[in-house]
């Protein structure tokens, strides 16, 4: 039996029975559970990868089913309650302060020093989470973080540098058993966007032991037993620190995909056993492989078409490709971890093979945007705060770019089937990589494959050659940005419109 407030939830066809109940409606869920128990029996309540562990605990407690107390679930969901309890038990963690709607955001600076991190107290998926470098950042981010909090509260924490890890554990009789330890790959400060994780971790044994010890100490402090625990732990210059601990299995394709692929253990099945009061099964790893999950993201716009899906799925070591968007869907550059376009998951004998396979599959997948979109145009040409795919590192190329004109020749004579682009003199020397792992030379080659463009070393004699316009779009938006530009140029209906567009972007 599956419940959801969304009558179009993608998992409905997989359920034997679907019940339309909002997961935040604890009383409604309790009534549903009582109906199910009366009709056919009910042995347990369970969730994985969601922020509804409080609803699960509420229903289980009301019906006398196995699980953690409701107060424990609250402590593991409300970030301020969690921090206070961890503090009381001496668990290492960042310093913090709570703010409500009526508080002055700058008041936290009486207790904490920049840089800081602001988060909604009661949300997940990095919604509303932001790194703060200045007082202005704090004031601006305060309102945004509040908008993601149902209780109207935020938590401000000291920023802690260092690698971050995701961990899972199952807990019986107060004793946690580690069931997952992965390296998280976080990008795009001041946001914290997870572009994937790799299982198992590559951190050395001593550091891994410290991370696990702090995680287990946090689980015991929160009183999570029996049940599942998911932790984000940072390895900072002063040691391992708890980022967050939740009373559930991890999401992000970790507990249900990468852990089983790497270790041959069905973690969800084991957690379900706990949820119905059965003892933990043997959780010893059956396999010793590696699994990588990587996200596919897009620049803003609307999807025209997606190509390379079959080729990506057929790639060596690829086990899953989950598409989250289709043609016609609007897409954004992610501001949190629920705004991605696809996820690729691999399983391979070695870590390097698993990572390379994921990157190769993503390179075959291409999300082409509709030409002319205002959101795409703004991201590429006017939004100074947007992340950039590349920054030129070779001085020769930067000097050349700075001296480029937007185009050369007559815009009305641009060949839409084979547009000419003035190349960078030292393109092959650029080593920076975009958010999907493509180098600048690789990205330029992929744009050529997608559009049929030809690169020229000299604009002389050509009727129209695109210069700075192309490289601005490629540096900002990688392959999708440059392809969008060339598609947009090709879509201009007449000489005058094309000239106006190119002049507008060049300025």
Protein backbone atom coordinates (compact mmCIF):
# COMPACT_ATOMS: atom_id res chain seq x y z
CA UNK A 1 0.00 0.00 0.00
CA UNK A 2 1.45 3.36 -1.05
CA UNK A 3 0.16 6.77 0.05
CA UNK A 4 0.84 10.18 -1.51
CA UNK A 5 -0.83 13.56 -1.74
CA UNK A 6 -0.06 13.64 -5.47
CA UNK A 7 -2.54 11.70 -7.59
CA UNK A 8 0.02 11.66 -10.42
CA UNK A 9 2.98 10.36 -8.38
CA UNK A 10 5.26 8.29 -10.60
CA UNK A 11 5.26 5.30 -8.22
CA UNK A 12 1.50 4.75 -8.28
CA UNK A 13 1.57 2.09 -11.05
CA UNK A 14 4.01 0.04 -8.95
CA UNK A 15 1.68 -0.14 -5.93
CA UNK A 16 -0.87 -2.87 -5.24
CA UNK A 17 -3.06 -0.16 -3.73
CA UNK A 18 -2.78 3.62 -3.82
CA UNK A 19 -4.26 5.86 -1.15
CA UNK A 20 -4.62 9.59 -1.80
CA UNK A 21 -3.49 11.00 1.55
CA UNK A 22 -1.02 13.85 2.04
CA UNK A 23 2.05 12.46 3.77
CA UNK A 24 2.15 15.49 6.07
CA UNK A 25 -1.35 14.68 7.32
CA UNK A 26 -0.43 12.57 10.34
CA UNK A 27 -4.02 12.07 11.48
CA UNK A 28 -5.14 11.16 7.97
CA UNK A 29 -2.30 8.67 7.64
CA UNK A 30 -3.23 7.16 11.00
CA UNK A 31 -6.83 6.68 9.87
CA UNK A 32 -5.59 5.04 6.67
CA UNK A 33 -3.29 2.72 8.64
CA UNK A 34 -6.15 1.70 10.93
CA UNK A 35 -8.33 0.93 7.90
CA UNK A 36 -5.60 -1.20 6.34
CA UNK A 37 -5.04 -3.08 9.60
CA UNK A 38 -8.77 -3.77 9.97
CA UNK A 39 -9.12 -4.92 6.37
CA UNK A 40 -6.04 -7.07 5.88
CA UNK A 41 -3.59 -6.57 8.73
CA UNK A 42 -0.67 -4.17 9.05
CA UNK A 43 2.74 -5.06 10.44
CA UNK A 44 4.83 -1.95 9.80
CA UNK A 45 5.18 1.60 8.44
CA UNK A 46 8.22 2.63 6.43
CA UNK A 47 9.81 5.38 4.36
CA UNK A 48 13.15 5.80 2.59
CA UNK A 49 14.77 8.89 1.14
CA UNK A 50 12.04 11.32 2.22
CA UNK A 51 11.55 13.85 5.01
CA UNK A 52 8.43 12.09 6.34
CA UNK A 53 10.03 10.01 9.08
CA UNK A 54 7.92 11.99 11.59
CA UNK A 55 4.72 10.77 9.93
CA UNK A 56 6.03 7.19 9.96
CA UNK A 57 6.88 7.42 13.66
CA UNK A 58 3.53 9.05 14.50
CA UNK A 59 1.53 6.29 12.79
CA UNK A 60 3.68 3.47 14.18
CA UNK A 61 3.40 4.86 17.70
CA UNK A 62 -0.38 5.34 17.40
CA UNK A 63 -0.88 1.75 16.26
CA UNK A 64 1.71 0.16 18.55
CA UNK A 65 3.89 -0.92 15.62
CA UNK A 66 7.70 -1.21 15.65
CA UNK A 67 9.70 1.98 15.16
CA UNK A 68 11.19 4.98 16.86
CA UNK A 69 9.15 7.29 19.11
CA UNK A 70 7.60 10.35 17.49
CA UNK A 71 9.76 12.67 19.62
CA UNK A 72 12.88 10.91 18.34
CA UNK A 73 11.74 11.43 14.76
CA UNK A 74 11.18 15.13 15.50
CA UNK A 75 14.68 15.38 16.94
CA UNK A 76 16.10 13.89 13.74
CA UNK A 77 14.00 16.11 11.44
CA UNK A 78 14.08 19.53 13.08
CA UNK A 79 17.65 20.75 12.62
CA UNK A 80 17.65 22.94 15.74
CA UNK A 81 16.34 20.15 17.98
CA UNK A 82 18.93 17.84 16.48
CA UNK A 83 21.79 20.29 17.07
CA UNK A 84 20.77 20.92 20.68
CA UNK A 85 20.57 17.22 21.46
CA UNK A 86 23.92 16.51 19.79
CA UNK A 87 25.43 19.35 21.81
CA UNK A 88 24.08 17.87 25.03
CA UNK A 89 25.82 14.58 24.25
CA UNK A 90 29.12 16.12 23.16
CA UNK A 91 28.84 15.11 19.51
CA UNK A 92 31.21 17.20 17.32
CA UNK A 93 29.29 19.58 15.07
CA UNK A 94 29.37 23.18 13.76
CA UNK A 95 28.40 26.08 16.01
CA UNK A 96 24.86 27.32 15.27
CA UNK A 97 22.09 29.79 16.02
CA UNK A 98 18.33 29.69 15.39
CA UNK A 99 16.39 32.55 13.77
CA UNK A 100 12.64 33.05 13.50
CA UNK A 101 10.55 35.30 11.27
CA UNK A 102 10.69 38.21 13.71
CA UNK A 103 14.44 38.00 14.35
CA UNK A 104 17.05 40.25 12.79
CA UNK A 105 19.32 38.08 10.63
CA UNK A 106 22.44 40.10 11.45
CA UNK A 107 21.98 39.31 15.15
CA UNK A 108 23.70 35.95 14.63
CA UNK A 109 26.96 37.79 13.96
CA UNK A 110 27.14 38.54 17.67
CA UNK A 111 27.83 34.83 18.16
CA UNK A 112 29.11 33.48 14.83
CA UNK A 113 31.66 34.73 12.29
CA UNK A 114 31.43 34.69 8.51
CA UNK A 115 31.51 32.58 6.41
CA UNK A 116 28.29 30.89 7.48
CA UNK A 117 25.64 28.55 6.10
CA UNK A 118 21.89 29.18 6.35
CA UNK A 119 19.28 26.40 6.16
CA UNK A 120 15.54 26.00 6.72
CA UNK A 121 15.03 24.13 9.99
CA UNK A 122 12.61 21.61 8.48
CA UNK A 123 13.39 20.84 4.85
CA UNK A 124 15.69 18.61 2.83
CA UNK A 125 17.34 18.36 -0.60
CA UNK A 126 19.42 21.53 -0.01
CA UNK A 127 16.31 23.68 -0.51
CA UNK A 128 17.06 27.18 0.73
CA UNK A 129 20.61 26.25 1.79
CA UNK A 130 23.27 28.83 0.98
CA UNK A 131 26.80 29.78 1.94
CA UNK A 132 27.10 33.33 3.28
CA UNK A 133 30.25 35.36 2.73
CA UNK A 134 28.96 38.83 3.60
CA UNK A 135 26.34 40.56 5.72
CA UNK A 136 24.43 41.32 2.52
CA UNK A 137 24.38 37.59 1.71
CA UNK A 138 22.91 36.88 5.14
CA UNK A 139 20.12 39.43 4.79
CA UNK A 140 19.18 38.25 1.28
CA UNK A 141 19.35 34.53 2.06
CA UNK A 142 17.32 34.84 5.28
CA UNK A 143 14.02 35.46 3.49
CA UNK A 144 14.72 32.74 0.92
CA UNK A 145 15.50 30.15 3.58
CA UNK A 146 12.37 31.11 5.55
CA UNK A 147 10.24 30.46 2.45
CA UNK A 148 11.29 26.80 2.57
CA UNK A 149 10.46 26.35 6.26
CA UNK A 150 6.97 25.21 7.26
CA UNK A 151 7.64 26.36 10.83
CA UNK A 152 9.07 29.73 9.81
CA UNK A 153 12.50 29.10 11.30
CA UNK A 154 16.03 28.87 9.95
CA UNK A 155 19.33 27.71 11.37
CA UNK A 156 22.60 29.54 10.74
CA UNK A 157 25.79 27.51 11.16
CA UNK A 158 29.49 28.11 10.90
CA UNK A 159 30.81 27.09 7.49
CA UNK A 160 33.03 24.03 7.77
CA UNK A 161 35.50 23.29 4.94
CA UNK A 162 36.48 19.76 4.03
CA UNK A 163 35.24 16.67 2.17
CA UNK A 164 31.73 15.44 2.90
CA UNK A 165 30.42 11.90 3.18
CA UNK A 166 27.02 10.21 3.14
CA UNK A 167 26.53 7.30 5.52
CA UNK A 168 23.72 4.84 6.18
CA UNK A 169 23.16 2.61 9.18
CA UNK A 170 20.54 0.20 10.44
CA UNK A 171 20.02 0.20 14.19
CA UNK A 172 18.71 -2.61 16.39
CA UNK A 173 18.83 -2.68 20.20
CA UNK A 174 20.64 0.65 20.17
CA UNK A 175 23.60 -0.64 18.14
CA UNK A 176 24.15 0.79 14.65
CA UNK A 177 25.49 -1.31 11.80
CA UNK A 178 27.14 0.63 8.96
CA UNK A 179 25.35 0.02 5.67
CA UNK A 180 26.87 2.59 3.36
CA UNK A 181 29.76 5.06 3.20
CA UNK A 182 30.05 7.21 0.09
CA UNK A 183 31.99 10.26 -1.05
CA UNK A 184 29.66 13.18 -1.86
CA UNK A 185 30.53 15.49 -4.75
CA UNK A 186 29.25 18.99 -3.95
CA UNK A 187 29.45 21.96 -6.36
CA UNK A 188 28.27 25.48 -7.17
CA UNK A 189 28.88 27.56 -4.08
CA UNK A 190 27.14 29.46 -2.63
CA UNK A 191 24.65 26.67 -3.31
CA UNK A 192 25.40 23.11 -2.25
CA UNK A 193 24.40 20.94 -5.20
CA UNK A 194 25.31 17.26 -5.05
CA UNK A 195 26.39 16.22 -8.54
CA UNK A 196 26.74 12.62 -7.44
CA UNK A 197 28.35 10.23 -5.02
CA UNK A 198 30.77 7.33 -5.26
CA UNK A 199 30.46 4.10 -3.27
CA UNK A 200 32.48 3.03 -1.35
CA UNK A 201 34.50 5.97 -0.04
CA UNK A 202 38.12 6.47 -1.05
CA UNK A 203 39.11 8.14 2.23
CA UNK A 204 41.90 6.46 4.22
CA UNK A 205 41.05 3.96 6.98
CA UNK A 206 41.92 6.21 9.92
CA UNK A 207 39.75 9.06 8.64
CA UNK A 208 36.95 6.65 7.76
CA UNK A 209 36.99 5.22 11.27
CA UNK A 210 36.72 8.72 12.76
CA UNK A 211 33.82 9.64 10.48
CA UNK A 212 31.93 6.45 11.38
CA UNK A 213 32.56 6.91 15.11
CA UNK A 214 31.12 10.43 15.04
CA UNK A 215 28.12 9.23 12.99
CA UNK A 216 27.41 6.40 15.45
CA UNK A 217 27.79 8.76 18.40
CA UNK A 218 25.19 11.03 16.82
CA UNK A 219 22.79 8.13 16.22
CA UNK A 220 23.00 7.11 19.87
CA UNK A 221 22.56 10.71 21.03
CA UNK A 222 19.36 11.03 19.00
CA UNK A 223 18.07 7.68 20.22
CA UNK A 224 17.36 6.23 16.78
CA UNK A 225 16.48 2.57 17.48
CA UNK A 226 15.07 0.43 16.04
CA UNK A 227 15.27 1.84 12.54
CA UNK A 228 17.45 3.45 9.91
CA UNK A 229 19.79 6.42 10.12
CA UNK A 230 21.29 8.55 7.38
CA UNK A 231 24.12 10.96 8.05
CA UNK A 232 26.06 13.71 6.31
CA UNK A 233 29.46 14.03 7.98
CA UNK A 234 32.27 16.44 7.13
CA UNK A 235 35.96 15.79 7.70
CA UNK A 236 37.11 19.24 8.75
CA UNK A 237 40.55 20.52 9.78
CA UNK A 238 39.47 19.94 13.39
CA UNK A 239 38.12 16.45 12.77
CA UNK A 240 34.85 14.79 11.78
CA UNK A 241 31.70 16.88 12.37
CA UNK A 242 28.05 15.92 11.99
CA UNK A 243 26.32 17.87 9.25
CA UNK A 244 22.94 16.20 9.66
CA UNK A 245 21.47 12.89 10.79
CA UNK A 246 18.02 11.74 9.67
CA UNK A 247 15.95 8.82 10.95
CA UNK A 248 15.58 7.09 7.60
CA UNK A 249 17.52 5.50 4.80
CA UNK A 250 19.32 7.84 2.43
CA UNK A 251 17.85 9.10 -0.81
CA UNK A 252 19.83 10.20 -3.82
CA UNK A 253 19.95 6.64 -5.19
CA UNK A 254 22.33 5.53 -2.42
CA UNK A 255 20.47 3.08 -0.17
CA UNK A 256 18.42 1.59 -2.99
CA UNK A 257 20.99 1.52 -5.79
CA UNK A 258 24.67 2.26 -5.27
CA UNK A 259 24.99 0.37 -1.97
CA UNK A 260 23.35 -2.81 -3.30
CA UNK A 261 25.38 -2.56 -6.50
CA UNK A 262 28.68 -2.14 -4.66
CA UNK A 263 28.10 -4.59 -1.83
CA UNK A 264 25.40 -7.02 -2.97
CA UNK A 265 23.11 -6.32 0.00
CA UNK A 266 19.45 -5.34 -0.35
CA UNK A 267 19.42 -2.59 2.25
CA UNK A 268 15.77 -1.67 1.75
CA UNK A 269 14.68 -5.25 2.42
CA UNK A 270 16.73 -5.30 5.61
CA UNK A 271 15.22 -2.00 6.76
CA UNK A 272 11.73 -3.31 6.05
CA UNK A 273 12.45 -6.27 8.32
CA UNK A 274 13.23 -3.85 11.14
CA UNK A 275 10.04 -1.93 10.40
CA UNK A 276 7.93 -5.05 11.03
CA UNK A 277 9.81 -6.06 14.16
CA UNK A 278 12.04 -8.75 12.73
CA UNK A 279 15.74 -9.03 13.65
CA UNK A 280 18.39 -7.68 11.31
CA UNK A 281 19.59 -10.18 8.71
CA UNK A 282 23.27 -10.77 7.97
CA UNK A 283 24.48 -7.50 6.44
CA UNK A 284 27.96 -8.68 5.49
CA UNK A 285 28.94 -7.50 1.98
CA UNK A 286 28.45 -10.19 -0.67
CA UNK A 287 30.31 -8.22 -3.32
CA UNK A 288 33.19 -5.75 -3.37
CA UNK A 289 32.48 -3.64 -6.44
CA UNK A 290 32.20 0.12 -6.94
CA UNK A 291 29.22 2.23 -7.92
CA UNK A 292 29.00 5.85 -9.06
CA UNK A 293 25.90 8.01 -9.29
CA UNK A 294 26.16 11.19 -11.33
CA UNK A 295 23.58 13.88 -12.02
CA UNK A 296 22.74 15.46 -15.36
CA UNK A 297 21.84 19.14 -15.13
CA UNK A 298 20.82 21.80 -17.63
CA UNK A 299 21.07 25.52 -18.09
CA UNK A 300 17.67 27.30 -17.99
CA UNK A 301 15.24 26.96 -20.86
CA UNK A 302 12.70 24.56 -22.31
CA UNK A 303 13.63 21.10 -23.58
CA UNK A 304 13.37 20.73 -27.36
CA UNK A 305 14.54 17.10 -27.47
CA UNK A 306 16.78 14.63 -25.70
CA UNK A 307 19.17 12.48 -27.71
CA UNK A 308 21.62 9.72 -26.90
CA UNK A 309 19.40 7.98 -24.34
CA UNK A 310 19.73 4.50 -25.85
CA UNK A 311 23.45 4.94 -26.37
CA UNK A 312 23.93 6.07 -22.76
CA UNK A 313 21.94 3.13 -21.39
CA UNK A 314 24.00 0.70 -23.47
CA UNK A 315 27.32 2.03 -22.17
CA UNK A 316 29.61 -0.38 -20.35
CA UNK A 317 28.97 -0.69 -16.60
CA UNK A 318 25.82 1.49 -16.73
CA UNK A 319 23.05 -0.06 -14.65
CA UNK A 320 20.46 2.72 -14.61
CA UNK A 321 19.58 5.96 -16.36
CA UNK A 322 16.71 7.88 -14.79
CA UNK A 323 15.33 10.69 -16.94
CA UNK A 324 13.43 13.35 -15.00
CA UNK A 325 12.51 15.65 -17.90
CA UNK A 326 10.95 15.27 -21.34
CA UNK A 327 10.59 17.36 -24.48
CA UNK A 328 8.54 20.46 -23.72
CA UNK A 329 9.47 20.58 -20.03
CA UNK A 330 10.95 23.75 -18.54
CA UNK A 331 14.38 23.27 -16.94
CA UNK A 332 16.49 25.42 -14.63
CA UNK A 333 20.04 25.47 -13.44
CA UNK A 334 19.67 23.70 -10.07
CA UNK A 335 19.36 25.80 -6.93
CA UNK A 336 18.79 22.63 -4.87
CA UNK A 337 19.02 18.86 -5.19
CA UNK A 338 15.56 18.29 -6.65
CA UNK A 339 16.05 20.31 -9.86
CA UNK A 340 18.19 17.89 -11.85
CA UNK A 341 17.37 16.44 -15.26
CA UNK A 342 18.66 12.88 -15.02
CA UNK A 343 20.82 10.49 -13.02
CA UNK A 344 23.22 7.81 -14.23
CA UNK A 345 24.28 4.91 -12.00
CA UNK A 346 27.13 2.51 -12.74
CA UNK A 347 28.58 -0.66 -11.25
CA UNK A 348 32.16 -1.68 -12.03
CA UNK A 349 35.06 -3.71 -10.59
CA UNK A 350 37.11 -0.57 -9.85
CA UNK A 351 36.38 2.96 -8.69
CA UNK A 352 38.00 4.53 -11.75
CA UNK A 353 35.91 2.35 -14.08
CA UNK A 354 32.68 3.23 -12.27
CA UNK A 355 33.39 6.97 -12.43
CA UNK A 356 34.59 6.93 -16.05
CA UNK A 357 31.56 4.90 -17.13
CA UNK A 358 29.17 7.43 -15.60
CA UNK A 359 30.94 10.33 -17.30
CA UNK A 360 31.00 8.53 -20.65
CA UNK A 361 27.27 7.81 -20.44
CA UNK A 362 26.47 11.43 -19.59
CA UNK A 363 28.61 12.60 -22.52
CA UNK A 364 26.34 10.60 -24.86
CA UNK A 365 23.21 12.21 -23.47
CA UNK A 366 22.27 15.63 -24.81
CA UNK A 367 19.42 17.86 -23.67
CA UNK A 368 18.83 20.35 -26.48
CA UNK A 369 16.92 23.50 -25.59
CA UNK A 370 14.36 25.34 -27.66
CA UNK A 371 15.98 28.28 -29.47
CA UNK A 372 15.19 31.84 -28.51
CA UNK A 373 14.28 31.24 -24.88
CA UNK A 374 14.59 34.35 -22.70
CA UNK A 375 15.73 32.32 -19.66
CA UNK A 376 18.55 30.73 -21.64
CA UNK A 377 19.58 34.05 -23.12
CA UNK A 378 19.73 35.69 -19.69
CA UNK A 379 21.81 32.86 -18.21
CA UNK A 380 24.35 33.01 -21.03
CA UNK A 381 24.67 36.74 -21.57
CA UNK A 382 23.37 38.87 -18.69
CA UNK A 383 23.21 36.92 -15.41
CA UNK A 384 26.49 37.78 -13.69
CA UNK A 385 25.70 35.56 -10.68
CA UNK A 386 25.13 32.34 -12.62
CA UNK A 387 27.77 29.58 -12.42
CA UNK A 388 30.05 29.42 -15.45
CA UNK A 389 30.90 26.14 -17.15
CA UNK A 390 34.47 27.22 -17.98
CA UNK A 391 36.96 29.96 -17.23
CA UNK A 392 39.88 30.48 -19.58
CA UNK A 393 43.19 29.60 -17.95
CA UNK A 394 45.57 30.13 -20.88
CA UNK A 395 46.58 33.80 -21.16
CA UNK A 396 46.85 33.62 -24.94
CA UNK A 397 43.21 32.52 -25.13
CA UNK A 398 41.99 35.14 -22.65
CA UNK A 399 43.78 37.92 -24.52
CA UNK A 400 42.35 36.65 -27.80
CA UNK A 401 38.83 36.44 -26.34
CA UNK A 402 39.06 39.96 -24.93
CA UNK A 403 39.88 41.30 -28.38
CA UNK A 404 37.17 39.39 -30.26
CA UNK A 405 34.24 41.00 -32.02
CA UNK A 406 30.84 39.40 -31.60
CA UNK A 407 30.97 38.35 -35.25
CA UNK A 408 32.75 39.18 -38.49
CA UNK A 409 31.13 39.88 -41.84
CA UNK A 410 27.43 40.05 -42.72
CA UNK A 411 25.08 38.30 -40.22
CA UNK A 412 22.57 37.76 -42.99
CA UNK A 413 25.06 35.48 -44.77
CA UNK A 414 25.59 33.10 -41.81
CA UNK A 415 25.18 29.52 -43.04
CA UNK A 416 22.66 27.90 -40.64
CA UNK A 417 23.67 24.38 -41.72
CA UNK A 418 27.40 24.96 -41.33
CA UNK A 419 28.01 28.10 -39.25
CA UNK A 420 31.58 29.36 -39.18
CA UNK A 421 33.18 30.09 -35.79
CA UNK A 422 36.54 31.71 -35.10
CA UNK A 423 38.51 29.32 -32.91
CA UNK A 424 40.76 30.10 -29.95
CA UNK A 425 44.46 29.87 -30.84
CA UNK A 426 45.34 27.72 -27.83
CA UNK A 427 42.09 25.79 -27.41
CA UNK A 428 43.85 22.44 -27.00
CA UNK A 429 45.75 23.78 -23.98
CA UNK A 430 42.65 24.51 -21.89
CA UNK A 431 42.24 21.87 -19.16
CA UNK A 432 39.23 23.12 -17.15
CA UNK A 433 36.20 20.84 -17.10
CA UNK A 434 32.51 21.64 -16.96
CA UNK A 435 29.93 20.28 -14.51
CA UNK A 436 29.70 17.01 -16.46
CA UNK A 437 33.44 16.47 -16.78
CA UNK A 438 33.96 17.71 -20.36
CA UNK A 439 37.07 19.75 -21.11
CA UNK A 440 36.71 22.91 -23.19
CA UNK A 441 38.24 21.24 -26.29
CA UNK A 442 35.85 18.29 -25.85
CA UNK A 443 32.89 20.64 -25.46
CA UNK A 444 33.83 22.53 -28.63
CA UNK A 445 34.10 19.24 -30.52
CA UNK A 446 30.68 18.15 -29.25
CA UNK A 447 29.10 21.42 -30.40
CA UNK A 448 30.59 20.79 -33.83
CA UNK A 449 29.09 17.28 -33.83
CA UNK A 450 25.66 18.61 -32.82
CA UNK A 451 25.51 21.58 -35.21
CA UNK A 452 27.90 20.96 -38.10
CA UNK A 453 29.85 24.17 -37.42
CA UNK A 454 33.30 24.71 -38.87
CA UNK A 455 36.13 26.32 -36.90
CA UNK A 456 38.26 28.89 -38.72
CA UNK A 457 41.61 30.36 -37.73
CA UNK A 458 40.99 33.58 -39.68
CA UNK A 459 37.71 35.30 -40.57
CA UNK A 460 39.12 36.84 -43.74
CA UNK A 461 37.18 35.88 -46.85
CA UNK A 462 34.28 34.21 -45.05
CA UNK A 463 30.82 35.79 -45.50
CA UNK A 464 30.05 35.61 -41.76
CA UNK A 465 32.04 34.19 -38.84
CA UNK A 466 30.77 34.07 -35.26
CA UNK A 467 33.37 35.18 -32.72
CA UNK A 468 32.86 36.38 -29.17
CA UNK A 469 29.16 35.45 -29.18
CA UNK A 470 29.98 31.77 -29.57
CA UNK A 471 32.70 31.63 -26.94
CA UNK A 472 30.61 33.60 -24.44
CA UNK A 473 27.82 31.05 -24.81
CA UNK A 474 30.18 28.07 -24.60
CA UNK A 475 32.09 29.37 -21.58
CA UNK A 476 28.84 30.14 -19.77
CA UNK A 477 26.69 27.15 -20.68
CA UNK A 478 29.04 24.53 -22.15
CA UNK A 479 27.62 22.47 -25.02
CA UNK A 480 23.93 23.31 -24.42
CA UNK A 481 24.73 27.03 -24.34
CA UNK A 482 26.70 27.10 -27.58
CA UNK A 483 24.23 24.83 -29.39
CA UNK A 484 21.35 27.04 -28.20
CA UNK A 485 23.12 30.10 -29.61
CA UNK A 486 23.70 28.54 -33.03
CA UNK A 487 20.14 27.13 -33.11
CA UNK A 488 18.80 30.58 -32.21
CA UNK A 489 20.86 32.25 -34.94
CA UNK A 490 19.62 29.69 -37.45
CA UNK A 491 16.02 30.30 -36.38
CA UNK A 492 16.07 34.03 -37.17
CA UNK A 493 13.66 34.55 -40.06
CA UNK A 494 15.33 37.40 -41.87
CA UNK A 495 18.52 39.41 -42.21
CA UNK A 496 17.27 42.30 -40.08
CA UNK A 497 16.19 40.14 -37.13
CA UNK A 498 19.44 38.18 -37.21
CA UNK A 499 21.49 41.38 -37.26
CA UNK A 500 19.53 42.85 -34.36
CA UNK A 501 19.93 39.68 -32.31
CA UNK A 502 23.67 39.43 -32.90
CA UNK A 503 24.22 43.12 -32.17
CA UNK A 504 22.19 42.83 -28.98
CA UNK A 505 24.23 39.90 -27.69
CA UNK A 506 27.52 41.44 -28.74
CA UNK A 507 26.80 44.49 -26.61
